Amino acid sequence: METTLPAVPGRPSRGGRAGAGRPPGRRAVTAPGPPPPSNSRRRCRRLDSFPGLSLRLWALQQRPATTTTTTTPQELQAFREYGESWYRSRKGLESRFQPREPLARQPQVTAEARCELVSWLIAVHRYFSVSFEALCLAVNMLDRFLGTTPVAADCFQLLGVTALFIACKQVEVHPPSMKELLDLCCGVFSCQQLRNLECLILRRLGFELAAPTVNFFLEHFSQVRLEARGADAGEAADARSLAVGIAELSLADYTFTKYAPSLLAASSLGLADQLLRHRSPLDLRISGYPERVLQDCVDQLQLLVSLNRQFLPLLLPPEVVQECHRLRSWR
């Protein structure tokens, strides 16, 4: 029997005093009007084209991206011994955890509302300095849950926060507390509501939470690149940093839910090499995808980057931003 995740009791309506007493730009996410025509759900969007952006930009500016840490000798040895088996194992699970048309059963949640929520989660994960892996897991849980249960627009933000809370408990040594996360929702939701929704998510997903993520495949392909003869460690690090930023943008855009994480990772690294004009780019054939499939994904990512020239630099280390500006990669 189908269950709809209900509206939150006591939540002010959009037409009333929903924004009274709240700091500017810190309102809860609501669906912006009726769903758009079906063809508009597949269009790349600018992340800064939505209201309520100020909190997201403030959080990103307070927690700027840092350069990817250097791989330790122990990590390199572990990769040499187990990297290929890890890769095959995670690759084999992609189809099992891949969301399929998560908004098809959502009468109130639109692609625009999802974009606004995920772009807000990007800022929240940066603000709390949680890993990109946690963000990827949270978005995967969000989309898979949307594929099983219709969600009321006025508790959509609670769904995003709860997914991030579960993901952080999985992979973070010191995850943000429930209260810290709910404080960013301006007191709209209670701890009990989050606990109840957490239980519902876990039941609907069958406690299957360890999804293969674009972060895992970015790390794998970057390690493969470093193992190649004559590899340039500096180029590999810069490409990975830029690819992480591109992949973060793709998480917020509904267009990219159809692409497998391994395909997104390989395409993000390929586009990063193009933008940075590297002399020894990653050989994308290691991903196992046909050239036309890779090119289609790279083209979509290129469009996304071109639409987010102002937002993407906030996700990148300063030295990568400087290099992109020097090469005029944003144009």
C-alpha atoms as a PDB file:
ATOM      1  CA  MET A   1       0.000   0.000   0.000  1.00  0.00           C
ATOM      2  CA  GLU A   2       1.365   3.383  -0.968  1.00  0.00           C
ATOM      3  CA  THR A   3       2.045   5.860   1.823  1.00  0.00           C
ATOM      4  CA  THR A   4       2.479   9.577   1.388  1.00  0.00           C
ATOM      5  CA  LEU A   5       4.915  11.321   3.689  1.00  0.00           C
ATOM      6  CA  PRO A   6       2.555  13.893   5.222  1.00  0.00           C
ATOM      7  CA  ALA A   7       2.930  17.599   5.688  1.00  0.00           C
ATOM      8  CA  VAL A   8       4.500  18.684   8.961  1.00  0.00           C
ATOM      9  CA  PRO A   9       1.821  19.590  11.541  1.00  0.00           C
ATOM     10  CA  GLY A  10       1.872  23.245  12.549  1.00  0.00           C
ATOM     11  CA  ARG A  11       4.035  24.343   9.623  1.00  0.00           C
ATOM     12  CA  PRO A  12       2.903  27.784   8.361  1.00  0.00           C
ATOM     13  CA  SER A  13       1.638  27.844   4.809  1.00  0.00           C
ATOM     14  CA  ARG A  14       3.609  29.632   2.092  1.00  0.00           C
ATOM     15  CA  GLY A  15       0.918  32.279   1.878  1.00  0.00           C
ATOM     16  CA  GLY A  16       0.964  33.053   5.646  1.00  0.00           C
ATOM     17  CA  ARG A  17       3.735  34.016   8.037  1.00  0.00           C
ATOM     18  CA  ALA A  18       6.118  31.232   7.026  1.00  0.00           C
ATOM     19  CA  GLY A  19       9.091  33.568   6.871  1.00  0.00           C
ATOM     20  CA  ALA A  20       8.331  35.606   9.980  1.00  0.00           C
ATOM     21  CA  GLY A  21      11.194  35.799  12.440  1.00  0.00           C
ATOM     22  CA  ARG A  22      13.661  33.910  10.254  1.00  0.00           C
ATOM     23  CA  PRO A  23      17.037  35.263   9.121  1.00  0.00           C
ATOM     24  CA  PRO A  24      17.154  36.232   5.433  1.00  0.00           C
ATOM     25  CA  GLY A  25      17.908  33.304   3.141  1.00  0.00           C
ATOM     26  CA  ARG A  26      17.304  30.645   5.834  1.00  0.00           C
ATOM     27  CA  ARG A  27      13.812  29.543   4.993  1.00  0.00           C
ATOM     28  CA  ALA A  28      12.834  25.922   4.559  1.00  0.00           C
ATOM     29  CA  VAL A  29      12.676  24.534   1.043  1.00  0.00           C
ATOM     30  CA  THR A  30       9.247  24.316  -0.545  1.00  0.00           C
ATOM     31  CA  ALA A  31       8.219  23.288  -4.021  1.00  0.00           C
ATOM     32  CA  PRO A  32       8.061  26.408  -6.239  1.00  0.00           C
ATOM     33  CA  GLY A  33       4.548  26.111  -7.615  1.00  0.00           C
ATOM     34  CA  PRO A  34       3.081  23.442  -9.906  1.00  0.00           C
ATOM     35  CA  PRO A  35       5.348  20.901 -11.640  1.00  0.00           C
ATOM     36  CA  PRO A  36       6.882  22.152 -14.893  1.00  0.00           C
ATOM     37  CA  PRO A  37       6.315  20.409 -18.210  1.00  0.00           C
ATOM     38  CA  SER A  38       8.109  17.057 -18.416  1.00  0.00           C
ATOM     39  CA  ASN A  39      10.771  18.274 -20.838  1.00  0.00           C
ATOM     40  CA  SER A  40      11.937  20.979 -18.401  1.00  0.00           C
ATOM     41  CA  ARG A  41      12.863  18.349 -15.809  1.00  0.00           C
ATOM     42  CA  ARG A  42      15.772  17.231 -17.939  1.00  0.00           C
ATOM     43  CA  ARG A  43      17.417  20.621 -18.352  1.00  0.00           C
ATOM     44  CA  CYS A  44      20.681  21.599 -16.693  1.00  0.00           C
ATOM     45  CA  ARG A  45      20.144  24.442 -14.258  1.00  0.00           C
ATOM     46  CA  ARG A  46      22.168  27.179 -12.595  1.00  0.00           C
ATOM     47  CA  LEU A  47      22.455  26.482  -8.883  1.00  0.00           C
ATOM     48  CA  ASP A  48      22.336  30.195  -8.111  1.00  0.00           C
ATOM     49  CA  SER A  49      19.030  30.684  -9.966  1.00  0.00           C
ATOM     50  CA  PHE A  50      16.902  29.859  -6.921  1.00  0.00           C
ATOM     51  CA  PRO A  51      15.746  31.986  -3.962  1.00  0.00           C
ATOM     52  CA  GLY A  52      17.307  31.476  -0.537  1.00  0.00           C
ATOM     53  CA  LEU A  53      20.838  31.325  -1.916  1.00  0.00           C
ATOM     54  CA  SER A  54      22.448  33.547   0.725  1.00  0.00           C
ATOM     55  CA  LEU A  55      22.903  30.813   3.346  1.00  0.00           C
ATOM     56  CA  ARG A  56      24.437  28.471   0.777  1.00  0.00           C
ATOM     57  CA  LEU A  57      26.931  31.066  -0.439  1.00  0.00           C
ATOM     58  CA  TRP A  58      27.749  32.155   3.106  1.00  0.00           C
ATOM     59  CA  ALA A  59      28.473  28.572   4.184  1.00  0.00           C
ATOM     60  CA  LEU A  60      30.660  27.904   1.157  1.00  0.00           C
ATOM     61  CA  GLN A  61      32.629  31.100   1.702  1.00  0.00           C
ATOM     62  CA  GLN A  62      33.166  30.224   5.371  1.00  0.00           C
ATOM     63  CA  ARG A  63      34.395  26.736   4.520  1.00  0.00           C
ATOM     64  CA  PRO A  64      36.329  27.048   1.240  1.00  0.00           C
ATOM     65  CA  ALA A  65      37.425  23.908  -0.553  1.00  0.00           C
ATOM     66  CA  THR A  66      40.846  22.553   0.294  1.00  0.00           C
ATOM     67  CA  THR A  67      43.370  20.732  -1.814  1.00  0.00           C
ATOM     68  CA  THR A  68      42.969  16.955  -1.913  1.00  0.00           C
ATOM     69  CA  THR A  69      45.280  15.321   0.608  1.00  0.00           C
ATOM     70  CA  THR A  70      48.274  13.328  -0.613  1.00  0.00           C
ATOM     71  CA  THR A  71      47.854   9.559  -0.706  1.00  0.00           C
ATOM     72  CA  THR A  72      49.925   7.828   1.962  1.00  0.00           C
ATOM     73  CA  PRO A  73      52.241   4.871   1.185  1.00  0.00           C
ATOM     74  CA  GLN A  74      49.897   2.612   3.170  1.00  0.00           C
ATOM     75  CA  GLU A  75      46.924   3.692   1.053  1.00  0.00           C
ATOM     76  CA  LEU A  76      48.894   3.111  -2.148  1.00  0.00           C
ATOM     77  CA  GLN A  77      49.866  -0.361  -0.986  1.00  0.00           C
ATOM     78  CA  ALA A  78      46.270  -1.174  -0.073  1.00  0.00           C
ATOM     79  CA  PHE A  79      45.155   0.011  -3.499  1.00  0.00           C
ATOM     80  CA  ARG A  80      47.727  -2.175  -5.245  1.00  0.00           C
ATOM     81  CA  GLU A  81      46.571  -5.212  -3.309  1.00  0.00           C
ATOM     82  CA  TYR A  82      42.817  -4.706  -3.196  1.00  0.00           C
ATOM     83  CA  GLY A  83      41.937  -1.809  -5.513  1.00  0.00           C
ATOM     84  CA  GLU A  84      40.806  -3.901  -8.468  1.00  0.00           C
ATOM     85  CA  SER A  85      38.667  -6.226  -6.367  1.00  0.00           C
ATOM     86  CA  TRP A  86      37.098  -3.241  -4.572  1.00  0.00           C
ATOM     87  CA  TYR A  87      36.350  -1.659  -7.930  1.00  0.00           C
ATOM     88  CA  ARG A  88      34.723  -4.800  -9.365  1.00  0.00           C
ATOM     89  CA  SER A  89      32.643  -5.240  -6.226  1.00  0.00           C
ATOM     90  CA  ARG A  90      31.337  -1.666  -6.193  1.00  0.00           C
ATOM     91  CA  LYS A  91      30.811  -1.610  -9.965  1.00  0.00           C
ATOM     92  CA  GLY A  92      28.666  -4.725  -9.683  1.00  0.00           C
ATOM     93  CA  LEU A  93      26.376  -2.995  -7.165  1.00  0.00           C
ATOM     94  CA  GLU A  94      25.696   0.146  -9.207  1.00  0.00           C
ATOM     95  CA  SER A  95      22.493  -1.026 -10.875  1.00  0.00           C
ATOM     96  CA  ARG A  96      21.104  -2.240  -7.544  1.00  0.00           C
ATOM     97  CA  PHE A  97      21.462   1.200  -5.931  1.00  0.00           C
ATOM     98  CA  GLN A  98      20.781   3.367  -9.016  1.00  0.00           C
ATOM     99  CA  PRO A  99      17.699   5.621  -8.554  1.00  0.00           C
ATOM    100  CA  ARG A 100      15.284   5.276 -11.463  1.00  0.00           C
ATOM    101  CA  GLU A 101      13.130   8.317 -12.253  1.00  0.00           C
ATOM    102  CA  PRO A 102      12.886   9.368  -8.575  1.00  0.00           C
ATOM    103  CA  LEU A 103      10.435  12.196  -9.319  1.00  0.00           C
ATOM    104  CA  ALA A 104       8.053  10.111 -11.427  1.00  0.00           C
ATOM    105  CA  ARG A 105       5.820   9.432  -8.397  1.00  0.00           C
ATOM    106  CA  GLN A 106       6.115  12.878  -6.822  1.00  0.00           C
ATOM    107  CA  PRO A 107       3.068  15.142  -7.332  1.00  0.00           C
ATOM    108  CA  GLN A 108       4.534  17.973  -5.201  1.00  0.00           C
ATOM    109  CA  VAL A 109       8.326  17.714  -5.486  1.00  0.00           C
ATOM    110  CA  THR A 110       9.798  19.121  -8.695  1.00  0.00           C
ATOM    111  CA  ALA A 111      13.250  19.003 -10.252  1.00  0.00           C
ATOM    112  CA  GLU A 112      13.694  22.656  -9.272  1.00  0.00           C
ATOM    113  CA  ALA A 113      12.852  21.927  -5.616  1.00  0.00           C
ATOM    114  CA  ARG A 114      15.278  18.997  -5.624  1.00  0.00           C
ATOM    115  CA  CYS A 115      18.008  21.211  -7.090  1.00  0.00           C
ATOM    116  CA  GLU A 116      17.478  23.830  -4.396  1.00  0.00           C
ATOM    117  CA  LEU A 117      17.542  21.234  -1.619  1.00  0.00           C
ATOM    118  CA  VAL A 118      20.673  19.427  -2.836  1.00  0.00           C
ATOM    119  CA  SER A 119      22.542  22.686  -3.440  1.00  0.00           C
ATOM    120  CA  TRP A 120      21.671  23.615   0.146  1.00  0.00           C
ATOM    121  CA  LEU A 121      22.969  20.214   1.326  1.00  0.00           C
ATOM    122  CA  ILE A 122      26.235  20.887  -0.528  1.00  0.00           C
ATOM    123  CA  ALA A 123      26.697  24.004   1.595  1.00  0.00           C
ATOM    124  CA  VAL A 124      25.689  22.168   4.779  1.00  0.00           C
ATOM    125  CA  HIS A 125      28.210  19.382   4.194  1.00  0.00           C
ATOM    126  CA  ARG A 126      30.935  21.983   3.610  1.00  0.00           C
ATOM    127  CA  TYR A 127      29.877  23.947   6.671  1.00  0.00           C
ATOM    128  CA  PHE A 128      30.229  20.897   8.925  1.00  0.00           C
ATOM    129  CA  SER A 129      33.349  19.692   7.049  1.00  0.00           C
ATOM    130  CA  VAL A 130      31.857  16.271   6.397  1.00  0.00           C
ATOM    131  CA  SER A 131      33.182  14.171   3.546  1.00  0.00           C
ATOM    132  CA  PHE A 132      32.062  14.186  -0.062  1.00  0.00           C
ATOM    133  CA  GLU A 133      31.302  10.480   0.429  1.00  0.00           C
ATOM    134  CA  ALA A 134      28.675  11.379   3.039  1.00  0.00           C
ATOM    135  CA  LEU A 135      27.074  13.900   0.677  1.00  0.00           C
ATOM    136  CA  CYS A 136      26.943  11.348  -2.151  1.00  0.00           C
ATOM    137  CA  LEU A 137      25.343   8.742   0.121  1.00  0.00           C
ATOM    138  CA  ALA A 138      22.785  11.275   1.356  1.00  0.00           C
ATOM    139  CA  VAL A 139      21.720  12.249  -2.176  1.00  0.00           C
ATOM    140  CA  ASN A 140      21.492   8.566  -3.153  1.00  0.00           C
ATOM    141  CA  MET A 141      19.210   7.875  -0.154  1.00  0.00           C
ATOM    142  CA  LEU A 142      17.141  10.950  -0.970  1.00  0.00           C
ATOM    143  CA  ASP A 143      16.552   9.882  -4.569  1.00  0.00           C
ATOM    144  CA  ARG A 144      15.878   6.236  -3.756  1.00  0.00           C
ATOM    145  CA  PHE A 145      13.354   7.248  -1.100  1.00  0.00           C
ATOM    146  CA  LEU A 146      11.649   9.630  -3.525  1.00  0.00           C
ATOM    147  CA  GLY A 147      11.259   6.647  -5.853  1.00  0.00           C
ATOM    148  CA  THR A 148       9.270   4.752  -3.210  1.00  0.00           C
ATOM    149  CA  THR A 149       7.216   7.338  -1.302  1.00  0.00           C
ATOM    150  CA  PRO A 150       5.389  10.536  -2.335  1.00  0.00           C
ATOM    151  CA  VAL A 151       6.637  13.423  -0.194  1.00  0.00           C
ATOM    152  CA  ALA A 152       4.762  16.559   0.837  1.00  0.00           C
ATOM    153  CA  ALA A 153       6.552  19.712  -0.246  1.00  0.00           C
ATOM    154  CA  ASP A 154       6.711  21.252   3.227  1.00  0.00           C
ATOM    155  CA  CYS A 155       8.718  18.377   4.726  1.00  0.00           C
ATOM    156  CA  PHE A 156      11.087  17.950   1.774  1.00  0.00           C
ATOM    157  CA  GLN A 157      13.862  19.785   3.610  1.00  0.00           C
ATOM    158  CA  LEU A 158      13.445  17.439   6.583  1.00  0.00           C
ATOM    159  CA  LEU A 159      13.952  14.507   4.204  1.00  0.00           C
ATOM    160  CA  GLY A 160      17.239  15.992   2.976  1.00  0.00           C
ATOM    161  CA  VAL A 161      18.526  16.698   6.475  1.00  0.00           C
ATOM    162  CA  THR A 162      17.562  13.207   7.658  1.00  0.00           C
ATOM    163  CA  ALA A 163      19.314  11.562   4.708  1.00  0.00           C
ATOM    164  CA  LEU A 164      22.476  13.552   5.485  1.00  0.00           C
ATOM    165  CA  PHE A 165      22.189  12.620   9.161  1.00  0.00           C
ATOM    166  CA  ILE A 166      22.046   8.893   8.307  1.00  0.00           C
ATOM    167  CA  ALA A 167      24.925   9.182   5.818  1.00  0.00           C
ATOM    168  CA  CYS A 168      27.142  11.005   8.320  1.00  0.00           C
ATOM    169  CA  LYS A 169      26.534   8.329  10.937  1.00  0.00           C
ATOM    170  CA  GLN A 170      27.730   5.774   8.388  1.00  0.00           C
ATOM    171  CA  VAL A 171      31.037   7.315   7.350  1.00  0.00           C
ATOM    172  CA  GLU A 172      32.002  10.170   9.686  1.00  0.00           C
ATOM    173  CA  VAL A 173      34.065   9.734  12.863  1.00  0.00           C
ATOM    174  CA  HIS A 174      32.464  12.847  14.380  1.00  0.00           C
ATOM    175  CA  PRO A 175      29.126  13.404  12.592  1.00  0.00           C
ATOM    176  CA  PRO A 176      27.111  16.585  13.213  1.00  0.00           C
ATOM    177  CA  SER A 177      24.467  16.152  15.869  1.00  0.00           C
ATOM    178  CA  MET A 178      20.761  16.043  15.194  1.00  0.00           C
ATOM    179  CA  LYS A 179      20.356  19.418  16.917  1.00  0.00           C
ATOM    180  CA  GLU A 180      23.121  21.034  14.852  1.00  0.00           C
ATOM    181  CA  LEU A 181      21.473  19.937  11.617  1.00  0.00           C
ATOM    182  CA  LEU A 182      17.981  20.964  12.695  1.00  0.00           C
ATOM    183  CA  ASP A 183      19.238  24.384  13.811  1.00  0.00           C
ATOM    184  CA  LEU A 184      19.964  25.140  10.142  1.00  0.00           C
ATOM    185  CA  CYS A 185      16.259  24.551   9.453  1.00  0.00           C
ATOM    186  CA  CYS A 186      15.418  27.473  11.775  1.00  0.00           C
ATOM    187  CA  GLY A 187      13.463  25.381  14.292  1.00  0.00           C
ATOM    188  CA  VAL A 188      10.844  24.275  11.769  1.00  0.00           C
ATOM    189  CA  PHE A 189      11.303  20.554  12.556  1.00  0.00           C
ATOM    190  CA  SER A 190      11.659  18.645  15.821  1.00  0.00           C
ATOM    191  CA  CYS A 191      14.081  15.892  16.821  1.00  0.00           C
ATOM    192  CA  GLN A 192      11.181  13.458  17.078  1.00  0.00           C
ATOM    193  CA  GLN A 193      10.101  14.209  13.517  1.00  0.00           C
ATOM    194  CA  LEU A 194      13.655  13.509  12.323  1.00  0.00           C
ATOM    195  CA  ARG A 195      13.776  10.225  14.260  1.00  0.00           C
ATOM    196  CA  ASN A 196      10.439   9.120  12.834  1.00  0.00           C
ATOM    197  CA  LEU A 197      11.511   9.933   9.294  1.00  0.00           C
ATOM    198  CA  GLU A 198      14.855   8.189   9.828  1.00  0.00           C
ATOM    199  CA  CYS A 199      13.010   4.977  10.735  1.00  0.00           C
ATOM    200  CA  LEU A 200      10.757   5.319   7.681  1.00  0.00           C
ATOM    201  CA  ILE A 201      13.726   5.842   5.336  1.00  0.00           C
ATOM    202  CA  LEU A 202      15.534   2.817   6.727  1.00  0.00           C
ATOM    203  CA  ARG A 203      12.443   0.624   6.310  1.00  0.00           C
ATOM    204  CA  ARG A 204      11.699   1.825   2.778  1.00  0.00           C
ATOM    205  CA  LEU A 205      15.301   1.291   1.681  1.00  0.00           C
ATOM    206  CA  GLY A 206      15.477  -2.100   3.382  1.00  0.00           C
ATOM    207  CA  PHE A 207      18.495  -0.917   5.417  1.00  0.00           C
ATOM    208  CA  GLU A 208      20.539  -1.041   2.182  1.00  0.00           C
ATOM    209  CA  LEU A 209      22.650   2.072   2.592  1.00  0.00           C
ATOM    210  CA  ALA A 210      26.153   1.243   1.305  1.00  0.00           C
ATOM    211  CA  ALA A 211      25.640   2.521  -2.228  1.00  0.00           C
ATOM    212  CA  PRO A 212      28.582   2.860  -4.643  1.00  0.00           C
ATOM    213  CA  THR A 213      29.224   6.593  -4.990  1.00  0.00           C
ATOM    214  CA  VAL A 214      30.819   8.927  -7.501  1.00  0.00           C
ATOM    215  CA  ASN A 215      33.347   9.731  -4.763  1.00  0.00           C
ATOM    216  CA  PHE A 216      34.535   6.105  -4.630  1.00  0.00           C
ATOM    217  CA  PHE A 217      35.035   5.959  -8.385  1.00  0.00           C
ATOM    218  CA  LEU A 218      36.792   9.336  -8.477  1.00  0.00           C
ATOM    219  CA  GLU A 219      39.280   8.006  -5.931  1.00  0.00           C
ATOM    220  CA  HIS A 220      39.716   4.735  -7.816  1.00  0.00           C
ATOM    221  CA  PHE A 221      40.327   6.296 -11.231  1.00  0.00           C
ATOM    222  CA  SER A 222      42.695   8.852  -9.680  1.00  0.00           C
ATOM    223  CA  GLN A 223      44.703   6.057  -8.066  1.00  0.00           C
ATOM    224  CA  VAL A 224      44.830   4.149 -11.351  1.00  0.00           C
ATOM    225  CA  ARG A 225      46.155   7.309 -12.975  1.00  0.00           C
ATOM    226  CA  LEU A 226      48.903   7.659 -10.356  1.00  0.00           C
ATOM    227  CA  GLU A 227      49.973   4.054 -10.885  1.00  0.00           C
ATOM    228  CA  ALA A 228      50.544   4.613 -14.623  1.00  0.00           C
ATOM    229  CA  ARG A 229      54.111   5.036 -15.833  1.00  0.00           C
ATOM    230  CA  GLY A 230      55.188   8.681 -16.016  1.00  0.00           C
ATOM    231  CA  ALA A 231      52.131   9.928 -14.133  1.00  0.00           C
ATOM    232  CA  ASP A 232      52.140  13.581 -13.110  1.00  0.00           C
ATOM    233  CA  ALA A 233      51.010  13.689  -9.459  1.00  0.00           C
ATOM    234  CA  GLY A 234      50.299  17.441  -9.650  1.00  0.00           C
ATOM    235  CA  GLU A 235      48.049  17.067 -12.672  1.00  0.00           C
ATOM    236  CA  ALA A 236      46.266  14.124 -11.048  1.00  0.00           C
ATOM    237  CA  ALA A 237      45.595  16.101  -7.846  1.00  0.00           C
ATOM    238  CA  ASP A 238      44.308  19.176  -9.709  1.00  0.00           C
ATOM    239  CA  ALA A 239      42.103  17.060 -11.980  1.00  0.00           C
ATOM    240  CA  ARG A 240      40.616  15.255  -9.011  1.00  0.00           C
ATOM    241  CA  SER A 241      39.894  18.518  -7.148  1.00  0.00           C
ATOM    242  CA  LEU A 242      38.143  20.015 -10.173  1.00  0.00           C
ATOM    243  CA  ALA A 243      36.314  16.741 -10.878  1.00  0.00           C
ATOM    244  CA  VAL A 244      34.961  16.688  -7.305  1.00  0.00           C
ATOM    245  CA  GLY A 245      33.551  20.189  -7.815  1.00  0.00           C
ATOM    246  CA  ILE A 246      31.965  19.194 -11.121  1.00  0.00           C
ATOM    247  CA  ALA A 247      30.522  16.045  -9.542  1.00  0.00           C
ATOM    248  CA  GLU A 248      29.043  18.107  -6.692  1.00  0.00           C
ATOM    249  CA  LEU A 249      27.260  20.290  -9.251  1.00  0.00           C
ATOM    250  CA  SER A 250      25.901  17.172 -10.967  1.00  0.00           C
ATOM    251  CA  LEU A 251      24.407  15.867  -7.711  1.00  0.00           C
ATOM    252  CA  ALA A 252      22.049  18.847  -7.622  1.00  0.00           C
ATOM    253  CA  ASP A 253      20.885  18.553 -11.227  1.00  0.00           C
ATOM    254  CA  TYR A 254      18.112  16.051 -11.932  1.00  0.00           C
ATOM    255  CA  THR A 255      19.497  15.464 -15.421  1.00  0.00           C
ATOM    256  CA  PHE A 256      22.335  13.397 -13.983  1.00  0.00           C
ATOM    257  CA  THR A 257      20.285  10.921 -11.939  1.00  0.00           C
ATOM    258  CA  LYS A 258      20.205   8.697 -15.025  1.00  0.00           C
ATOM    259  CA  TYR A 259      23.996   8.321 -15.115  1.00  0.00           C
ATOM    260  CA  ALA A 260      25.814   5.644 -13.094  1.00  0.00           C
ATOM    261  CA  PRO A 261      28.319   6.954 -10.512  1.00  0.00           C
ATOM    262  CA  SER A 262      31.264   5.334 -12.332  1.00  0.00           C
ATOM    263  CA  LEU A 263      30.267   7.061 -15.581  1.00  0.00           C
ATOM    264  CA  LEU A 264      29.912  10.428 -13.830  1.00  0.00           C
ATOM    265  CA  ALA A 265      33.301   9.989 -12.162  1.00  0.00           C
ATOM    266  CA  ALA A 266      35.123   9.131 -15.375  1.00  0.00           C
ATOM    267  CA  SER A 267      33.396  11.942 -17.297  1.00  0.00           C
ATOM    268  CA  SER A 268      34.094  14.493 -14.542  1.00  0.00           C
ATOM    269  CA  LEU A 269      37.792  13.599 -14.598  1.00  0.00           C
ATOM    270  CA  GLY A 270      37.833  13.733 -18.395  1.00  0.00           C
ATOM    271  CA  LEU A 271      36.225  17.178 -18.426  1.00  0.00           C
ATOM    272  CA  ALA A 272      38.592  18.375 -15.676  1.00  0.00           C
ATOM    273  CA  ASP A 273      41.579  17.344 -17.808  1.00  0.00           C
ATOM    274  CA  GLN A 274      40.094  19.243 -20.753  1.00  0.00           C
ATOM    275  CA  LEU A 275      39.484  22.411 -18.737  1.00  0.00           C
ATOM    276  CA  LEU A 276      42.963  22.304 -17.211  1.00  0.00           C
ATOM    277  CA  ARG A 277      44.539  21.385 -20.585  1.00  0.00           C
ATOM    278  CA  HIS A 278      46.620  18.599 -19.108  1.00  0.00           C
ATOM    279  CA  ARG A 279      49.312  17.046 -21.234  1.00  0.00           C
ATOM    280  CA  SER A 280      48.742  13.544 -19.807  1.00  0.00           C
ATOM    281  CA  PRO A 281      44.975  13.205 -19.334  1.00  0.00           C
ATOM    282  CA  LEU A 282      43.323  10.157 -17.834  1.00  0.00           C
ATOM    283  CA  ASP A 283      42.656   7.385 -20.356  1.00  0.00           C
ATOM    284  CA  LEU A 284      38.879   7.142 -20.017  1.00  0.00           C
ATOM    285  CA  ARG A 285      38.874   3.656 -21.527  1.00  0.00           C
ATOM    286  CA  ILE A 286      39.701   2.312 -18.077  1.00  0.00           C
ATOM    287  CA  SER A 287      36.075   3.007 -17.141  1.00  0.00           C
ATOM    288  CA  GLY A 288      34.856   0.380 -19.602  1.00  0.00           C
ATOM    289  CA  TYR A 289      32.271   2.703 -21.204  1.00  0.00           C
ATOM    290  CA  PRO A 290      31.975   3.229 -24.991  1.00  0.00           C
ATOM    291  CA  GLU A 291      33.313   6.535 -26.279  1.00  0.00           C
ATOM    292  CA  ARG A 292      29.877   7.803 -27.340  1.00  0.00           C
ATOM    293  CA  VAL A 293      28.438   7.180 -23.838  1.00  0.00           C
ATOM    294  CA  LEU A 294      31.343   9.009 -22.225  1.00  0.00           C
ATOM    295  CA  GLN A 295      31.081  11.903 -24.682  1.00  0.00           C
ATOM    296  CA  ASP A 296      27.350  12.316 -24.016  1.00  0.00           C
ATOM    297  CA  CYS A 297      27.976  12.597 -20.270  1.00  0.00           C
ATOM    298  CA  VAL A 298      30.959  14.936 -20.758  1.00  0.00           C
ATOM    299  CA  ASP A 299      28.841  17.188 -22.995  1.00  0.00           C
ATOM    300  CA  GLN A 300      26.112  17.405 -20.336  1.00  0.00           C
ATOM    301  CA  LEU A 301      28.692  18.200 -17.657  1.00  0.00           C
ATOM    302  CA  GLN A 302      30.256  20.855 -19.894  1.00  0.00           C
ATOM    303  CA  LEU A 303      26.858  22.527 -20.205  1.00  0.00           C
ATOM    304  CA  LEU A 304      26.377  22.350 -16.434  1.00  0.00           C
ATOM    305  CA  VAL A 305      29.781  23.967 -15.819  1.00  0.00           C
ATOM    306  CA  SER A 306      29.075  26.730 -18.325  1.00  0.00           C
ATOM    307  CA  LEU A 307      25.793  27.532 -16.545  1.00  0.00           C
ATOM    308  CA  ASN A 308      27.485  27.609 -13.130  1.00  0.00           C
ATOM    309  CA  ARG A 309      30.617  29.658 -13.810  1.00  0.00           C
ATOM    310  CA  GLN A 310      29.917  31.850 -10.763  1.00  0.00           C
ATOM    311  CA  PHE A 311      29.031  29.010  -8.388  1.00  0.00           C
ATOM    312  CA  LEU A 312      31.631  26.346  -9.260  1.00  0.00           C
ATOM    313  CA  PRO A 313      34.702  28.309  -8.029  1.00  0.00           C
ATOM    314  CA  LEU A 314      33.202  28.250  -4.513  1.00  0.00           C
ATOM    315  CA  LEU A 315      33.563  24.461  -4.565  1.00  0.00           C
ATOM    316  CA  LEU A 316      37.229  24.418  -5.606  1.00  0.00           C
ATOM    317  CA  PRO A 317      40.615  24.968  -3.954  1.00  0.00           C
ATOM    318  CA  PRO A 318      41.986  28.471  -4.705  1.00  0.00           C
ATOM    319  CA  GLU A 319      44.935  27.188  -6.732  1.00  0.00           C
ATOM    320  CA  VAL A 320      42.642  25.240  -9.070  1.00  0.00           C
ATOM    321  CA  VAL A 321      40.411  28.304  -9.513  1.00  0.00           C
ATOM    322  CA  GLN A 322      43.471  30.414 -10.368  1.00  0.00           C
ATOM    323  CA  GLU A 323      44.636  27.868 -12.926  1.00  0.00           C
ATOM    324  CA  CYS A 324      41.194  27.735 -14.548  1.00  0.00           C
ATOM    325  CA  HIS A 325      41.077  31.546 -14.735  1.00  0.00           C
ATOM    326  CA  ARG A 326      44.589  31.618 -16.186  1.00  0.00           C
ATOM    327  CA  LEU A 327      43.555  29.180 -18.904  1.00  0.00           C
ATOM    328  CA  ARG A 328      40.161  30.919 -19.331  1.00  0.00           C
ATOM    329  CA  SER A 329      38.497  27.546 -18.798  1.00  0.00           C
ATOM    330  CA  TRP A 330      35.184  29.073 -17.686  1.00  0.00           C
ATOM    331  CA  ARG A 331      34.570  30.772 -21.027  1.00  0.00           C
END
